[in-house]
All heavy atoms as atom14 arrays in JSON, in Angstrom:
{
  "sequence": "VVKAQIHAGGRGKGSVTETGSHGVVIAKGLDQVKEKAAGI",
  "atom14_mask": [
    [1, 1, 1, 1, 1, 1, 1, 0, 0, 0, 0, 0, 0, 0],
    [1, 1, 1, 1, 1, 1, 1, 0, 0, 0, 0, 0, 0, 0],
    [1, 1, 1, 1, 1, 1, 1, 1, 1, 0, 0, 0, 0, 0],
    [1, 1, 1, 1, 1, 0, 0, 0, 0, 0, 0, 0, 0, 0],
    [1, 1, 1, 1, 1, 1, 1, 1, 1, 0, 0, 0, 0, 0],
    [1, 1, 1, 1, 1, 1, 1, 1, 0, 0, 0, 0, 0, 0],
    [1, 1, 1, 1, 1, 1, 1, 1, 1, 1, 0, 0, 0, 0],
    [1, 1, 1, 1, 1, 0, 0, 0, 0, 0, 0, 0, 0, 0],
    [1, 1, 1, 1, 0, 0, 0, 0, 0, 0, 0, 0, 0, 0],
    [1, 1, 1, 1, 0, 0, 0, 0, 0, 0, 0, 0, 0, 0],
    [1, 1, 1, 1, 1, 1, 1, 1, 1, 1, 1, 0, 0, 0],
    [1, 1, 1, 1, 0, 0, 0, 0, 0, 0, 0, 0, 0, 0],
    [1, 1, 1, 1, 1, 1, 1, 1, 1, 0, 0, 0, 0, 0],
    [1, 1, 1, 1, 0, 0, 0, 0, 0, 0, 0, 0, 0, 0],
    [1, 1, 1, 1, 1, 1, 0, 0, 0, 0, 0, 0, 0, 0],
    [1, 1, 1, 1, 1, 1, 1, 0, 0, 0, 0, 0, 0, 0],
    [1, 1, 1, 1, 1, 1, 1, 0, 0, 0, 0, 0, 0, 0],
    [1, 1, 1, 1, 1, 1, 1, 1, 1, 0, 0, 0, 0, 0],
    [1, 1, 1, 1, 1, 1, 1, 0, 0, 0, 0, 0, 0, 0],
    [1, 1, 1, 1, 0, 0, 0, 0, 0, 0, 0, 0, 0, 0],
    [1, 1, 1, 1, 1, 1, 0, 0, 0, 0, 0, 0, 0, 0],
    [1, 1, 1, 1, 1, 1, 1, 1, 1, 1, 0, 0, 0, 0],
    [1, 1, 1, 1, 0, 0, 0, 0, 0, 0, 0, 0, 0, 0],
    [1, 1, 1, 1, 1, 1, 1, 0, 0, 0, 0, 0, 0, 0],
    [1, 1, 1, 1, 1, 1, 1, 0, 0, 0, 0, 0, 0, 0],
    [1, 1, 1, 1, 1, 1, 1, 1, 0, 0, 0, 0, 0, 0],
    [1, 1, 1, 1, 1, 0, 0, 0, 0, 0, 0, 0, 0, 0],
    [1, 1, 1, 1, 1, 1, 1, 1, 1, 0, 0, 0, 0, 0],
    [1, 1, 1, 1, 0, 0, 0, 0, 0, 0, 0, 0, 0, 0],
    [1, 1, 1, 1, 1, 1, 1, 1, 0, 0, 0, 0, 0, 0],
    [1, 1, 1, 1, 1, 1, 1, 1, 0, 0, 0, 0, 0, 0],
    [1, 1, 1, 1, 1, 1, 1, 1, 1, 0, 0, 0, 0, 0],
    [1, 1, 1, 1, 1, 1, 1, 0, 0, 0, 0, 0, 0, 0],
    [1, 1, 1, 1, 1, 1, 1, 1, 1, 0, 0, 0, 0, 0],
    [1, 1, 1, 1, 1, 1, 1, 1, 1, 0, 0, 0, 0, 0],
    [1, 1, 1, 1, 1, 1, 1, 1, 1, 0, 0, 0, 0, 0],
    [1, 1, 1, 1, 1, 0, 0, 0, 0, 0, 0, 0, 0, 0],
    [1, 1, 1, 1, 1, 0, 0, 0, 0, 0, 0, 0, 0, 0],
    [1, 1, 1, 1, 0, 0, 0, 0, 0, 0, 0, 0, 0, 0],
    [1, 1, 1, 1, 1, 1, 1, 1, 0, 0, 0, 0, 0, 0]
  ],
  "atom14_positions": [
    [[7.84, 3.75, -3.55], [6.94, 3.75, -2.41], [5.52, 3.88, -2.94], [5.21, 4.82, -3.68], [7.24, 4.88, -1.42], [6.41, 4.72, -0.15], [8.73, 4.92, -1.09], [0.0, 0.0, 0.0], [0.0, 0.0, 0.0], [0.0, 0.0, 0.0], [0.0, 0.0, 0.0], [0.0, 0.0, 0.0], [0.0, 0.0, 0.0], [0.0, 0.0, 0.0]],
    [[4.65, 2.94, -2.58], [3.26, 2.96, -3.0], [2.43, 3.42, -1.8], [2.38, 2.75, -0.78], [2.79, 1.57, -3.48], [1.36, 1.63, -3.99], [3.73, 1.04, -4.57], [0.0, 0.0, 0.0], [0.0, 0.0, 0.0], [0.0, 0.0, 0.0], [0.0, 0.0, 0.0], [0.0, 0.0, 0.0], [0.0, 0.0, 0.0], [0.0, 0.0, 0.0]],
    [[1.76, 4.58, -1.94], [1.11, 5.22, -0.81], [-0.37, 5.45, -1.1], [-0.73, 6.14, -2.06], [1.8, 6.55, -0.49], [3.32, 6.46, -0.38], [3.97, 7.8, -0.17], [3.85, 8.24, 1.27], [4.63, 9.48, 1.53], [0.0, 0.0, 0.0], [0.0, 0.0, 0.0], [0.0, 0.0, 0.0], [0.0, 0.0, 0.0], [0.0, 0.0, 0.0]],
    [[-1.24, 4.89, -0.26], [-2.67, 5.11, -0.38], [-2.98, 6.59, -0.18], [-2.43, 7.23, 0.71], [-3.43, 4.27, 0.65], [0.0, 0.0, 0.0], [0.0, 0.0, 0.0], [0.0, 0.0, 0.0], [0.0, 0.0, 0.0], [0.0, 0.0, 0.0], [0.0, 0.0, 0.0], [0.0, 0.0, 0.0], [0.0, 0.0, 0.0], [0.0, 0.0, 0.0]],
    [[-3.91, 7.12, -1.0], [-4.31, 8.52, -0.9], [-5.71, 8.61, -0.32], [-6.72, 8.48, -1.02], [-4.22, 9.2, -2.27], [-2.83, 9.24, -2.87], [-1.87, 10.03, -2.05], [-1.88, 11.27, -2.04], [-1.0, 9.34, -1.3], [0.0, 0.0, 0.0], [0.0, 0.0, 0.0], [0.0, 0.0, 0.0], [0.0, 0.0, 0.0], [0.0, 0.0, 0.0]],
    [[-5.78, 8.83, 0.98], [-7.02, 9.07, 1.68], [-6.81, 10.22, 2.65], [-5.67, 10.57, 2.98], [-7.53, 7.82, 2.46], [-6.51, 7.41, 3.54], [-7.85, 6.68, 1.52], [-7.03, 6.35, 4.49], [0.0, 0.0, 0.0], [0.0, 0.0, 0.0], [0.0, 0.0, 0.0], [0.0, 0.0, 0.0], [0.0, 0.0, 0.0], [0.0, 0.0, 0.0]],
    [[-7.91, 10.83, 3.11], [-7.82, 11.92, 4.08], [-7.79, 11.35, 5.49], [-8.72, 11.49, 6.28], [-9.01, 12.88, 3.93], [-8.99, 13.69, 2.68], [-9.99, 14.57, 2.34], [-8.09, 13.75, 1.68], [-9.71, 15.14, 1.18], [-8.56, 14.67, 0.75], [0.0, 0.0, 0.0], [0.0, 0.0, 0.0], [0.0, 0.0, 0.0], [0.0, 0.0, 0.0]],
    [[-6.69, 10.72, 5.84], [-6.51, 10.18, 7.18], [-5.03, 9.87, 7.38], [-4.34, 9.48, 6.44], [-7.35, 8.92, 7.42], [0.0, 0.0, 0.0], [0.0, 0.0, 0.0], [0.0, 0.0, 0.0], [0.0, 0.0, 0.0], [0.0, 0.0, 0.0], [0.0, 0.0, 0.0], [0.0, 0.0, 0.0], [0.0, 0.0, 0.0], [0.0, 0.0, 0.0]],
    [[-4.55, 10.05, 8.6], [-3.17, 9.72, 8.92], [-3.03, 8.28, 9.38], [-4.0, 7.53, 9.47], [0.0, 0.0, 0.0], [0.0, 0.0, 0.0], [0.0, 0.0, 0.0], [0.0, 0.0, 0.0], [0.0, 0.0, 0.0], [0.0, 0.0, 0.0], [0.0, 0.0, 0.0], [0.0, 0.0, 0.0], [0.0, 0.0, 0.0], [0.0, 0.0, 0.0]],
    [[-1.8, 7.9, 9.66], [-1.54, 6.54, 10.12], [-1.61, 5.49, 9.03], [-1.84, 4.3, 9.32], [0.0, 0.0, 0.0], [0.0, 0.0, 0.0], [0.0, 0.0, 0.0], [0.0, 0.0, 0.0], [0.0, 0.0, 0.0], [0.0, 0.0, 0.0], [0.0, 0.0, 0.0], [0.0, 0.0, 0.0], [0.0, 0.0, 0.0], [0.0, 0.0, 0.0]],
    [[-1.41, 5.89, 7.77], [-1.55, 4.96, 6.66], [-0.51, 3.85, 6.69], [-0.79, 2.72, 6.31], [-1.48, 5.72, 5.32], [-2.62, 6.68, 5.09], [-2.33, 7.57, 3.88], [-1.18, 8.43, 4.12], [-0.52, 9.09, 3.16], [-0.91, 8.99, 1.91], [0.52, 9.87, 3.48], [0.0, 0.0, 0.0], [0.0, 0.0, 0.0], [0.0, 0.0, 0.0]],
    [[0.69, 4.19, 7.13], [1.76, 3.19, 7.16], [1.47, 2.06, 8.12], [1.83, 0.9, 7.86], [0.0, 0.0, 0.0], [0.0, 0.0, 0.0], [0.0, 0.0, 0.0], [0.0, 0.0, 0.0], [0.0, 0.0, 0.0], [0.0, 0.0, 0.0], [0.0, 0.0, 0.0], [0.0, 0.0, 0.0], [0.0, 0.0, 0.0], [0.0, 0.0, 0.0]],
    [[0.83, 2.36, 9.23], [0.46, 1.33, 10.2], [-0.91, 0.73, 9.91], [-1.26, -0.31, 10.47], [0.47, 1.91, 11.61], [1.86, 2.23, 12.17], [1.74, 2.71, 13.61], [3.12, 2.93, 14.23], [3.02, 3.39, 15.65], [0.0, 0.0, 0.0], [0.0, 0.0, 0.0], [0.0, 0.0, 0.0], [0.0, 0.0, 0.0], [0.0, 0.0, 0.0]],
    [[-1.69, 1.41, 9.07], [-3.03, 0.94, 8.76], [-3.01, -0.31, 7.92], [-1.98, -0.73, 7.37], [0.0, 0.0, 0.0], [0.0, 0.0, 0.0], [0.0, 0.0, 0.0], [0.0, 0.0, 0.0], [0.0, 0.0, 0.0], [0.0, 0.0, 0.0], [0.0, 0.0, 0.0], [0.0, 0.0, 0.0], [0.0, 0.0, 0.0], [0.0, 0.0, 0.0]],
    [[-4.19, -0.92, 7.78], [-4.3, -2.19, 7.06], [-5.52, -2.15, 6.14], [-6.59, -1.67, 6.52], [-4.42, -3.34, 8.05], [-4.57, -4.58, 7.41], [0.0, 0.0, 0.0], [0.0, 0.0, 0.0], [0.0, 0.0, 0.0], [0.0, 0.0, 0.0], [0.0, 0.0, 0.0], [0.0, 0.0, 0.0], [0.0, 0.0, 0.0], [0.0, 0.0, 0.0]],
    [[-5.34, -2.68, 4.93], [-6.44, -2.81, 3.98], [-7.25, -4.06, 4.34], [-6.71, -5.16, 4.37], [-5.92, -2.89, 2.54], [-7.08, -3.09, 1.56], [-5.13, -1.63, 2.18], [0.0, 0.0, 0.0], [0.0, 0.0, 0.0], [0.0, 0.0, 0.0], [0.0, 0.0, 0.0], [0.0, 0.0, 0.0], [0.0, 0.0, 0.0], [0.0, 0.0, 0.0]],
    [[-8.52, -3.88, 4.6], [-9.37, -4.97, 5.09], [-9.37, -6.16, 4.13], [-9.27, -7.32, 4.55], [-10.81, -4.47, 5.27], [-10.83, -3.36, 6.17], [-11.71, -5.58, 5.82], [0.0, 0.0, 0.0], [0.0, 0.0, 0.0], [0.0, 0.0, 0.0], [0.0, 0.0, 0.0], [0.0, 0.0, 0.0], [0.0, 0.0, 0.0], [0.0, 0.0, 0.0]],
    [[-9.47, -5.9, 2.84], [-9.63, -6.98, 1.87], [-8.35, -7.78, 1.62], [-8.42, -8.96, 1.27], [-10.12, -6.41, 0.54], [-11.55, -5.86, 0.57], [-11.63, -4.44, 1.12], [-10.6, -3.88, 1.58], [-12.73, -3.87, 1.1], [0.0, 0.0, 0.0], [0.0, 0.0, 0.0], [0.0, 0.0, 0.0], [0.0, 0.0, 0.0], [0.0, 0.0, 0.0]],
    [[-7.18, -7.15, 1.77], [-5.93, -7.82, 1.38], [-4.92, -7.96, 2.5], [-3.97, -8.75, 2.4], [-5.26, -7.04, 0.23], [-4.87, -5.73, 0.71], [-6.19, -6.91, -0.95], [0.0, 0.0, 0.0], [0.0, 0.0, 0.0], [0.0, 0.0, 0.0], [0.0, 0.0, 0.0], [0.0, 0.0, 0.0], [0.0, 0.0, 0.0], [0.0, 0.0, 0.0]],
    [[-5.07, -7.18, 3.58], [-4.09, -7.19, 4.65], [-2.88, -6.31, 4.4], [-1.99, -6.22, 5.25], [0.0, 0.0, 0.0], [0.0, 0.0, 0.0], [0.0, 0.0, 0.0], [0.0, 0.0, 0.0], [0.0, 0.0, 0.0], [0.0, 0.0, 0.0], [0.0, 0.0, 0.0], [0.0, 0.0, 0.0], [0.0, 0.0, 0.0], [0.0, 0.0, 0.0]],
    [[-2.82, -5.66, 3.24], [-1.7, -4.79, 2.92], [-1.72, -3.54, 3.79], [-2.78, -3.04, 4.17], [-1.76, -4.38, 1.44], [-0.81, -3.36, 1.14], [0.0, 0.0, 0.0], [0.0, 0.0, 0.0], [0.0, 0.0, 0.0], [0.0, 0.0, 0.0], [0.0, 0.0, 0.0], [0.0, 0.0, 0.0], [0.0, 0.0, 0.0], [0.0, 0.0, 0.0]],
    [[-0.55, -3.02, 4.12], [-0.47, -1.72, 4.76], [-0.78, -0.63, 3.73], [-0.75, -0.88, 2.52], [0.91, -1.49, 5.37], [1.18, -2.34, 6.57], [0.43, -2.3, 7.71], [2.15, -3.28, 6.79], [0.9, -3.16, 8.59], [1.94, -3.79, 8.06], [0.0, 0.0, 0.0], [0.0, 0.0, 0.0], [0.0, 0.0, 0.0], [0.0, 0.0, 0.0]],
    [[-1.08, 0.57, 4.22], [-1.41, 1.66, 3.32], [-0.21, 2.31, 2.66], [-0.36, 3.04, 1.68], [0.0, 0.0, 0.0], [0.0, 0.0, 0.0], [0.0, 0.0, 0.0], [0.0, 0.0, 0.0], [0.0, 0.0, 0.0], [0.0, 0.0, 0.0], [0.0, 0.0, 0.0], [0.0, 0.0, 0.0], [0.0, 0.0, 0.0], [0.0, 0.0, 0.0]],
    [[0.97, 2.04, 3.17], [2.22, 2.5, 2.56], [3.16, 1.3, 2.48], [3.49, 0.71, 3.52], [2.87, 3.64, 3.36], [4.19, 4.07, 2.72], [1.93, 4.83, 3.5], [0.0, 0.0, 0.0], [0.0, 0.0, 0.0], [0.0, 0.0, 0.0], [0.0, 0.0, 0.0], [0.0, 0.0, 0.0], [0.0, 0.0, 0.0], [0.0, 0.0, 0.0]],
    [[3.58, 0.92, 1.27], [4.43, -0.26, 1.08], [5.55, 0.07, 0.11], [5.48, 1.03, -0.67], [3.61, -1.46, 0.55], [2.6, -1.92, 1.59], [2.91, -1.11, -0.76], [0.0, 0.0, 0.0], [0.0, 0.0, 0.0], [0.0, 0.0, 0.0], [0.0, 0.0, 0.0], [0.0, 0.0, 0.0], [0.0, 0.0, 0.0], [0.0, 0.0, 0.0]],
    [[6.59, -0.74, 0.14], [7.76, -0.58, -0.72], [7.71, -1.61, -1.84], [7.49, -2.81, -1.59], [9.07, -0.74, 0.07], [9.15, 0.28, 1.21], [10.28, -0.62, -0.86], [9.28, 1.71, 0.74], [0.0, 0.0, 0.0], [0.0, 0.0, 0.0], [0.0, 0.0, 0.0], [0.0, 0.0, 0.0], [0.0, 0.0, 0.0], [0.0, 0.0, 0.0]],
    [[7.94, -1.14, -3.06], [8.12, -2.04, -4.2], [9.59, -2.03, -4.57], [10.12, -1.0, -5.01], [7.26, -1.59, -5.38], [0.0, 0.0, 0.0], [0.0, 0.0, 0.0], [0.0, 0.0, 0.0], [0.0, 0.0, 0.0], [0.0, 0.0, 0.0], [0.0, 0.0, 0.0], [0.0, 0.0, 0.0], [0.0, 0.0, 0.0], [0.0, 0.0, 0.0]],
    [[10.27, -3.17, -4.41], [11.7, -3.24, -4.62], [12.02, -3.58, -6.08], [12.7, -4.53, -6.4], [12.33, -4.26, -3.68], [12.14, -3.93, -2.2], [12.76, -4.97, -1.3], [12.56, -4.63, 0.17], [13.17, -5.66, 1.07], [0.0, 0.0, 0.0], [0.0, 0.0, 0.0], [0.0, 0.0, 0.0], [0.0, 0.0, 0.0], [0.0, 0.0, 0.0]],
    [[11.44, -2.78, -6.97], [11.66, -2.97, -8.39], [10.37, -2.74, -9.15], [9.26, -2.82, -8.62], [0.0, 0.0, 0.0], [0.0, 0.0, 0.0], [0.0, 0.0, 0.0], [0.0, 0.0, 0.0], [0.0, 0.0, 0.0], [0.0, 0.0, 0.0], [0.0, 0.0, 0.0], [0.0, 0.0, 0.0], [0.0, 0.0, 0.0], [0.0, 0.0, 0.0]],
    [[10.51, -2.47, -10.47], [9.35, -2.22, -11.31], [8.4, -3.4, -11.35], [7.18, -3.23, -11.48], [9.8, -1.87, -12.72], [10.37, -0.46, -12.95], [11.01, -0.35, -14.31], [9.27, 0.58, -12.78], [0.0, 0.0, 0.0], [0.0, 0.0, 0.0], [0.0, 0.0, 0.0], [0.0, 0.0, 0.0], [0.0, 0.0, 0.0], [0.0, 0.0, 0.0]],
    [[8.94, -4.61, -11.25], [8.12, -5.81, -11.36], [7.17, -5.99, -10.18], [6.23, -6.78, -10.26], [9.01, -7.05, -11.51], [9.98, -7.21, -10.35], [10.48, -6.18, -9.84], [10.25, -8.35, -9.93], [0.0, 0.0, 0.0], [0.0, 0.0, 0.0], [0.0, 0.0, 0.0], [0.0, 0.0, 0.0], [0.0, 0.0, 0.0], [0.0, 0.0, 0.0]],
    [[7.4, -5.26, -9.07], [6.54, -5.39, -7.88], [5.47, -4.32, -7.77], [4.53, -4.45, -6.97], [7.4, -5.38, -6.61], [8.36, -6.53, -6.47], [9.09, -6.5, -5.11], [8.73, -5.72, -4.21], [10.12, -7.32, -4.98], [0.0, 0.0, 0.0], [0.0, 0.0, 0.0], [0.0, 0.0, 0.0], [0.0, 0.0, 0.0], [0.0, 0.0, 0.0]],
    [[5.6, -3.26, -8.57], [4.72, -2.1, -8.39], [3.26, -2.44, -8.62], [2.37, -2.09, -7.83], [5.16, -0.95, -9.32], [4.13, 0.19, -9.27], [6.53, -0.44, -8.93], [0.0, 0.0, 0.0], [0.0, 0.0, 0.0], [0.0, 0.0, 0.0], [0.0, 0.0, 0.0], [0.0, 0.0, 0.0], [0.0, 0.0, 0.0], [0.0, 0.0, 0.0]],
    [[2.98, -3.16, -9.7], [1.6, -3.48, -10.05], [0.93, -4.3, -8.96], [-0.2, -4.02, -8.54], [1.58, -4.23, -11.38], [0.2, -4.41, -11.97], [0.29, -5.02, -13.37], [-1.07, -5.23, -13.98], [-0.98, -5.82, -15.34], [0.0, 0.0, 0.0], [0.0, 0.0, 0.0], [0.0, 0.0, 0.0], [0.0, 0.0, 0.0], [0.0, 0.0, 0.0]],
    [[1.64, -5.3, -8.43], [1.1, -6.16, -7.38], [0.85, -5.37, -6.1], [-0.18, -5.53, -5.44], [2.05, -7.32, -7.11], [1.6, -8.24, -5.98], [2.66, -9.26, -5.6], [3.73, -9.3, -6.26], [2.44, -10.01, -4.61], [0.0, 0.0, 0.0], [0.0, 0.0, 0.0], [0.0, 0.0, 0.0], [0.0, 0.0, 0.0], [0.0, 0.0, 0.0]],
    [[1.82, -4.53, -5.72], [1.69, -3.74, -4.49], [0.5, -2.76, -4.59], [-0.25, -2.6, -3.63], [2.97, -2.96, -4.22], [4.2, -3.84, -3.96], [4.11, -4.55, -2.63], [5.43, -5.29, -2.34], [5.39, -6.02, -1.03], [0.0, 0.0, 0.0], [0.0, 0.0, 0.0], [0.0, 0.0, 0.0], [0.0, 0.0, 0.0], [0.0, 0.0, 0.0]],
    [[0.36, -2.14, -5.75], [-0.74, -1.2, -5.94], [-2.08, -1.93, -5.9], [-3.07, -1.42, -5.34], [-0.58, -0.45, -7.26], [0.0, 0.0, 0.0], [0.0, 0.0, 0.0], [0.0, 0.0, 0.0], [0.0, 0.0, 0.0], [0.0, 0.0, 0.0], [0.0, 0.0, 0.0], [0.0, 0.0, 0.0], [0.0, 0.0, 0.0], [0.0, 0.0, 0.0]],
    [[-2.15, -3.12, -6.49], [-3.38, -3.9, -6.5], [-3.82, -4.29, -5.09], [-5.02, -4.46, -4.83], [-3.2, -5.16, -7.36], [0.0, 0.0, 0.0], [0.0, 0.0, 0.0], [0.0, 0.0, 0.0], [0.0, 0.0, 0.0], [0.0, 0.0, 0.0], [0.0, 0.0, 0.0], [0.0, 0.0, 0.0], [0.0, 0.0, 0.0], [0.0, 0.0, 0.0]],
    [[-2.86, -4.44, -4.19], [-3.18, -4.79, -2.8], [-3.79, -3.64, -2.01], [-4.29, -3.85, -0.9], [0.0, 0.0, 0.0], [0.0, 0.0, 0.0], [0.0, 0.0, 0.0], [0.0, 0.0, 0.0], [0.0, 0.0, 0.0], [0.0, 0.0, 0.0], [0.0, 0.0, 0.0], [0.0, 0.0, 0.0], [0.0, 0.0, 0.0], [0.0, 0.0, 0.0]],
    [[-3.73, -2.44, -2.57], [-4.26, -1.25, -1.89], [-5.48, -0.67, -2.59], [-6.5, -0.38, -1.95], [-3.16, -0.17, -1.79], [-1.97, -0.68, -0.96], [-3.73, 1.11, -1.17], [-0.78, 0.28, -0.92], [0.0, 0.0, 0.0], [0.0, 0.0, 0.0], [0.0, 0.0, 0.0], [0.0, 0.0, 0.0], [0.0, 0.0, 0.0], [0.0, 0.0, 0.0]]
  ]
}
């Protein structure tokens, strides 16, 4: 689980303006972690 660290709730439903990624996302394997983190 890749989780944005900010002082605000609602991260799972929130959206990153630049990428469209949610603030909490699942990486289904080691090969996805880097990409998911880069989106946040």
